[in-house]
Protein backbone atom coordinates (compact mmCIF):
# COMPACT_ATOMS: atom_id res chain seq x y z
CA MET A 1 126.28 41.94 116.03
CA ASN A 2 124.23 38.79 115.09
CA ILE A 3 121.64 38.19 112.37
CA SER A 4 118.55 38.28 114.82
CA GLN A 5 120.00 41.48 116.27
CA GLN A 6 120.26 42.88 112.90
CA GLU A 7 116.88 42.08 111.88
CA SER A 8 115.37 44.18 114.76
CA MET A 9 117.21 47.03 113.77
CA ILE A 10 116.37 49.94 111.38
CA PHE A 11 118.88 50.32 108.41
CA ALA A 12 119.42 52.84 105.39
CA LYS A 13 117.55 51.52 102.44
CA ASP A 14 114.91 49.74 104.90
CA PHE A 15 111.17 51.20 104.01
CA ILE A 16 108.68 51.98 106.51
CA GLU A 17 105.03 52.29 106.47
CA THR A 18 102.51 54.16 108.68
CA ALA A 19 98.77 53.91 109.28
CA GLU A 20 98.44 56.86 106.96
CA GLY A 21 99.29 54.97 103.69
CA LEU A 22 102.76 56.49 103.44
CA ILE A 23 105.73 54.61 102.93
CA PHE A 24 109.29 56.24 103.63
CA ALA A 25 112.60 55.07 102.34
CA VAL A 26 115.15 55.06 105.53
CA VAL A 27 118.27 57.45 104.78
CA GLU A 28 120.11 56.91 108.09
CA SER A 29 120.66 53.71 110.55
CA GLY A 30 119.42 53.40 113.75
CA LEU A 31 117.34 55.95 115.67
CA GLU A 32 117.56 59.56 116.53
CA GLU A 33 115.52 60.87 119.30
CA GLY A 34 113.31 57.64 118.99
CA LYS A 35 112.59 58.17 115.35
CA ALA A 36 113.56 56.88 111.98
CA LEU A 37 115.27 59.47 109.57
CA CYS A 38 113.94 59.12 106.32
CA PHE A 39 112.19 60.70 103.15
CA LEU A 40 108.68 60.14 101.90
CA ARG A 41 108.44 57.88 98.96
CA TYR A 42 105.27 56.49 98.41
CA VAL A 43 101.57 57.54 99.02
CA TYR A 44 98.76 55.20 98.88
CA GLN A 45 95.63 56.19 96.62
CA LEU A 46 92.54 54.62 95.29
CA SER A 47 94.47 53.73 92.22
CA GLY A 48 97.27 52.18 94.44
CA TRP A 49 100.72 53.44 95.46
CA LYS A 50 101.90 56.70 93.99
CA LYS A 51 105.82 57.65 94.26
CA VAL A 52 106.31 61.03 95.00
CA GLU A 53 109.26 63.56 94.33
CA THR A 54 110.66 65.42 97.30
CA ASP A 55 109.34 68.80 96.74
CA VAL A 56 105.40 66.95 96.65
CA ALA A 57 106.47 64.97 99.57
CA ASN A 58 107.46 68.13 101.61
CA GLU A 59 104.57 69.93 100.80
CA LEU A 60 101.94 67.03 101.51
CA LEU A 61 103.78 66.55 104.75
CA LYS A 62 103.37 70.11 105.75
CA GLN A 63 99.92 70.40 104.61
CA GLN A 64 98.34 66.99 106.19
CA TYR A 65 101.10 65.16 108.24
CA PRO A 66 103.74 67.78 110.25
CA ASP A 67 104.80 65.55 112.42
CA TYR A 68 106.85 63.87 109.93
CA LEU A 69 108.77 66.87 109.24
CA HIS A 70 112.36 66.78 111.24
CA TYR A 71 115.13 68.95 111.85
CA SER A 72 118.03 66.52 112.57
CA PRO A 73 120.47 68.56 115.00
CA VAL A 74 123.36 65.82 114.26
CA LEU A 75 122.80 66.12 110.80
CA ASP A 76 121.95 69.93 110.98
CA ALA A 77 119.14 68.97 108.22
CA HIS A 78 115.67 69.26 107.58
CA LEU A 79 114.09 65.95 106.36
CA HIS A 80 111.40 63.32 106.92
CA ALA A 81 111.29 61.29 110.39
CA VAL A 82 108.69 58.34 111.79
CA ALA A 83 108.66 57.67 115.74
CA ALA A 84 109.48 53.90 116.13
CA GLY A 85 105.73 53.71 117.52
CA ARG A 86 104.28 55.09 114.66
CA ILE A 87 105.47 52.22 112.09
CA VAL A 88 102.93 49.81 111.21
CA LYS A 89 105.37 47.84 108.75
CA HIS A 90 108.71 47.36 108.40
CA HIS A 91 110.12 46.40 105.02
CA GLN A 92 113.54 44.50 105.26
CA PRO A 93 115.34 44.05 102.29
CA ARG A 94 117.10 40.91 103.31
CA GLN A 95 113.86 39.29 104.16
CA LYS A 96 112.25 40.40 101.07
CA LEU A 97 114.57 39.15 99.34
CA GLN A 98 114.69 35.31 100.40
CA GLU A 99 110.73 35.94 100.32
CA ILE A 100 110.74 36.50 96.05
CA LEU A 101 113.75 33.87 95.87
CA GLN A 102 111.47 31.22 97.63
CA ALA A 103 108.07 32.14 95.70
CA ASN A 104 106.61 29.96 93.23
CA ARG A 105 105.78 32.51 90.92
CA HIS A 106 107.39 35.63 89.99
CA ASP A 107 106.83 38.74 87.78
CA ALA A 108 108.90 39.79 84.88
CA ILE A 109 111.24 41.99 87.20
CA GLU A 110 111.22 39.08 89.79
CA ARG A 111 112.43 36.74 87.42
CA ASP A 112 115.40 39.11 86.26
CA LEU A 113 116.07 39.77 90.19
CA PHE A 114 116.18 35.81 90.57
CA LEU A 115 118.64 35.40 87.34
CA LEU A 116 120.70 38.09 88.94
CA CYS A 117 120.83 36.38 91.92
CA GLU A 118 121.26 32.79 90.74
CA LEU A 119 124.54 34.32 88.79
CA PHE A 120 125.98 35.86 91.74
CA GLY A 121 125.13 32.42 93.73
CA GLN A 122 126.53 30.58 91.69
CA SER A 123 129.75 32.81 91.50
CA GLY A 124 130.26 32.31 95.73
CA LEU A 125 128.20 35.37 96.80
CA ASP A 126 126.91 34.75 100.18
CA LEU A 127 122.99 35.83 99.77
CA ARG A 128 122.12 35.80 102.96
CA GLN A 129 124.20 38.76 103.60
CA THR A 130 122.08 40.40 100.41
CA GLY A 131 118.56 42.12 99.98
CA ILE A 132 116.27 44.08 97.65
CA THR A 133 115.48 47.45 98.03
CA GLY A 134 113.23 50.10 95.86
CA SER A 135 110.18 49.30 94.50
CA LEU A 136 110.42 45.71 94.63
CA LEU A 137 111.01 45.73 98.42
CA VAL A 138 107.35 47.08 98.75
CA GLY A 139 105.93 45.53 95.91
CA VAL A 140 105.27 48.67 93.60
CA GLN A 141 107.67 47.50 90.76
CA ASN A 142 106.70 47.75 87.43
CA GLN A 143 108.18 46.66 83.75
CA GLY A 144 110.70 49.88 83.97
CA SER A 145 111.96 49.46 87.10
CA ASP A 146 115.34 48.75 88.25
CA ILE A 147 117.04 46.12 90.64
CA ASP A 148 118.63 47.58 93.67
CA LEU A 149 120.60 45.21 95.61
CA VAL A 150 122.16 45.76 99.16
CA CYS A 151 125.13 44.11 100.63
CA TYR A 152 125.39 43.97 104.42
CA SER A 153 129.18 43.24 104.72
CA ARG A 154 131.84 45.39 103.24
CA GLU A 155 133.93 41.77 102.34
CA VAL A 156 130.55 40.65 100.39
CA PHE A 157 129.90 44.11 98.61
CA HIS A 158 133.51 44.22 97.15
CA GLN A 159 132.85 40.48 96.32
CA CYS A 160 129.60 41.17 94.54
CA ARG A 161 131.65 44.14 92.53
CA ALA A 162 134.37 41.64 91.30
CA ILE A 163 131.59 38.97 90.51
CA ASN A 164 129.79 41.26 88.60
CA GLY A 165 132.63 42.56 86.37
CA LEU A 166 133.63 39.02 85.86
CA LEU A 167 129.84 37.85 84.71
CA ILE A 168 129.96 41.32 82.12
CA GLU A 169 133.47 40.15 80.95
CA GLN A 170 131.95 36.50 80.42
CA GLY A 171 128.88 37.73 78.67
CA HIS A 172 126.29 36.47 81.53
CA LEU A 173 125.63 40.11 82.26
CA GLN A 174 126.05 43.35 80.50
CA ALA A 175 127.52 46.59 80.62
CA LEU A 176 125.04 49.84 80.62
CA THR A 177 124.37 51.04 77.26
CA GLU A 178 124.94 54.93 76.22
CA GLN A 179 121.66 54.91 76.62
CA ASP A 180 121.21 53.56 79.65
CA TRP A 181 123.85 56.07 80.77
CA ARG A 182 122.06 59.19 79.44
CA ALA A 183 118.93 57.98 81.17
CA SER A 184 121.01 57.65 84.64
CA PHE A 185 122.58 60.84 83.83
CA GLU A 186 119.76 62.94 83.45
CA ARG A 187 117.85 61.49 86.57
CA ARG A 188 120.77 62.11 88.66
CA SER A 189 120.79 65.64 87.26
CA CYS A 190 124.36 66.03 88.73
CA ALA A 191 127.05 69.17 88.67
CA LEU A 192 129.37 66.82 86.39
CA SER A 193 129.46 66.82 82.51
CA PHE A 194 127.77 63.52 80.96
CA ASP A 195 131.45 62.37 80.04
CA ASP A 196 132.92 63.04 83.35
CA TYR A 197 130.05 61.41 84.86
CA VAL A 198 130.36 58.11 82.90
CA TRP A 199 134.21 58.24 83.55
CA HIS A 200 133.56 58.07 87.28
CA GLU A 201 130.64 55.52 87.09
CA GLN A 202 132.04 52.99 84.65
CA ARG A 203 135.09 52.09 86.83
CA LYS A 204 132.80 51.63 90.03
CA GLY A 205 131.50 48.11 89.21
CA ASN A 206 128.56 48.57 90.80
CA LYS A 207 126.17 48.73 88.21
CA GLY A 208 125.34 46.35 85.42
CA VAL A 209 122.20 44.96 83.12
CA VAL A 210 120.63 41.60 83.17
CA ASN A 211 118.37 40.58 80.66
CA GLY A 212 118.18 44.18 79.46
CA ARG A 213 117.09 45.64 82.99
CA LYS A 214 119.70 47.91 85.06
CA PHE A 215 120.87 46.95 88.33
CA ASP A 216 122.73 48.62 91.32
CA LEU A 217 124.62 47.22 93.97
CA ASN A 218 124.52 48.89 97.14
CA PHE A 219 126.40 48.91 100.73
CA ILE A 220 125.19 49.09 104.04
CA ASP A 221 127.58 48.95 107.33
CA CYS A 222 125.70 46.73 109.79
CA ASP A 223 128.46 47.30 112.23
CA ALA A 224 128.82 50.75 112.13
CA SER A 225 127.96 51.63 115.64
CA ALA A 226 129.50 54.67 117.02
CA LYS A 227 127.79 57.50 118.22
CA PRO A 228 126.68 60.13 116.03
CA THR A 229 128.65 63.22 115.72
CA ARG A 230 127.00 66.59 115.50
CA TYR A 231 127.90 68.96 112.86
CA GLN A 232 127.05 72.63 112.13
CA LYS A 233 127.39 74.16 108.48
CA CYS A 234 129.91 76.72 107.92
CA GLY A 235 129.00 77.79 104.21
CA ALA A 236 129.87 76.75 100.79
CA ILE A 237 133.42 75.54 99.91
CA THR A 238 135.20 74.51 96.67
CA LEU A 239 138.53 73.16 96.64
CA GLN A 240 141.11 70.42 95.63
CA CYS A 241 142.87 68.11 97.62
CA ARG A 242 143.96 64.47 97.73
CA VAL A 243 142.42 61.63 98.75
CA SER A 244 144.41 59.58 101.42
CA ASP A 245 142.15 56.50 102.36
CA ASP A 246 138.91 55.40 100.46
CA THR A 247 138.04 52.43 102.68
CA ARG A 248 134.68 54.12 103.27
CA GLY A 249 133.96 55.35 99.73
CA PHE A 250 131.29 52.99 99.21
CA ASP A 251 129.51 53.57 102.72
CA TYR A 252 126.36 55.06 103.42
CA PRO A 253 127.36 58.07 103.66
CA ALA A 254 130.23 57.61 101.54
CA GLU A 255 133.67 58.88 103.35
CA PHE A 256 136.93 59.99 101.73
CA ALA A 257 139.79 60.75 104.16
CA ILE A 258 141.86 63.90 102.60
CA GLU A 259 145.16 65.46 103.22
CA HIS A 260 144.52 69.10 104.38
CA GLN A 261 145.56 71.46 106.85
CA TYR A 262 142.43 71.93 108.14
CA ILE A 263 139.39 69.30 107.05
CA ASN A 264 139.56 66.06 107.43
CA SER A 265 137.39 64.27 105.36
CA ILE A 266 134.67 64.68 102.26
CA VAL A 267 131.21 62.99 103.04
CA SER A 268 128.76 62.14 100.49
CA PHE A 269 125.12 61.82 101.16
CA THR A 270 123.76 61.70 97.57
CA ALA A 271 124.47 57.98 95.36
CA THR A 272 125.87 59.76 92.66
CA TYR A 273 129.52 60.45 94.64
CA THR A 274 129.42 57.19 96.23
CA GLY A 275 132.76 55.35 95.67
CA GLN A 276 133.78 58.54 93.56
CA ALA A 277 137.65 58.44 94.37
CA VAL A 278 140.18 56.06 95.35
CA SER A 279 143.25 56.35 97.29
CA GLY A 280 146.00 58.77 95.81
CA GLU A 281 143.70 60.67 93.48
CA THR A 282 143.18 64.42 93.60
CA VAL A 283 139.75 65.69 93.52
CA GLU A 284 137.98 68.75 93.49
CA VAL A 285 134.94 68.92 95.59
CA SER A 286 132.29 71.30 96.07
CA GLY A 287 130.04 71.22 99.17
CA VAL A 288 129.32 72.69 102.40
CA LEU A 289 131.91 73.09 105.04
CA GLU A 290 130.80 71.50 108.35
CA GLN A 291 132.38 71.58 111.78
CA SER A 292 131.84 68.90 114.79
CA GLU A 293 131.80 70.28 118.59
CA GLN A 294 135.01 68.62 118.60
CA GLY A 295 136.53 71.15 116.02
CA LEU A 296 136.40 68.28 113.38
CA LYS A 297 135.90 69.69 109.82
CA ARG A 298 134.53 67.96 106.85
CA ILE A 299 133.04 68.77 103.44
CA VAL A 300 129.67 67.64 102.95
CA VAL A 301 128.44 66.93 99.35
CA GLY A 302 124.49 66.06 99.24
CA SER A 303 123.47 69.03 101.87
CA SER A 304 119.94 68.59 100.36
CA ARG A 305 118.56 65.73 98.76
CA GLU A 306 119.34 66.99 94.97
CA ALA A 307 122.82 68.48 95.94
CA HIS A 308 122.49 71.01 93.36
CA GLY A 309 125.82 72.52 92.64
CA GLU A 310 127.98 69.96 94.80
CA TYR A 311 130.14 67.51 93.07
CA ILE A 312 133.15 65.51 93.69
CA LYS A 313 135.19 65.30 90.45
CA VAL A 314 138.80 63.13 90.32
CA ILE A 315 141.06 65.52 88.33
CA SER A 316 144.53 63.50 88.86
CA SER A 317 144.84 59.91 89.03
CA ALA A 318 146.85 57.99 91.71
């Protein structure tokens, strides 16, 4: 797939805007039944764009825009969806990043983004294969906003992680402080202890601090074109198993092949458990068992947006 074809597609981490003054974050690449699967994140009010939490978003759509509520038979999940014809603006991370980098004036967060990209670019990263998502993508950033970079090549993403580690070692970037980790942990409200959360996160190499501002590195696979498989939920499950293949551990969703008599893989739809384990490690996983029409079984962590009580935890290293 070439760049022009990619630019016409909708990918996870894109944002889409509707005529009603609603901005949705795309959570699944491509379309399902002609609709982009997403979650409402911003609502336009007289004072400007306001960020909304999941419960508020669900209630608002239920009361005023029920057409955007959607049941996905592929994911066997309730979420939001916008028909392609109702999208009035498609916010694309790669396009937005280039706009910011080429602009003559920048606000404080854009200056930090520019510095970060300059450091990565000088270290050999192809910035044409990266983009910016989150609040910067739709221009609603504030002084406390983080930077969310997206890489659109597996090779570029892992190169970006390696460069990040090197730049932190050299002192050009900084590692997260305990205060940063505390804030991140509280925002995630995950099922792990604080110490377990930090241990898993620190080794991923996908976070850092530039000029006092936290940033995250994300990966989207532009070449993932397999026909989506439909799954049905079978119930809650907790078990221990060995990870046999972590190749897709940073994908969206993250996927870990496991050694198990009946279950093929662990899949995570929540960023907390992206890159959580590596091949050869034994993990404890708590989630929802699902089965496909072909009989494939997987454990899903992140069956709901908050994924309360669901987790992946390494209990034995490789």
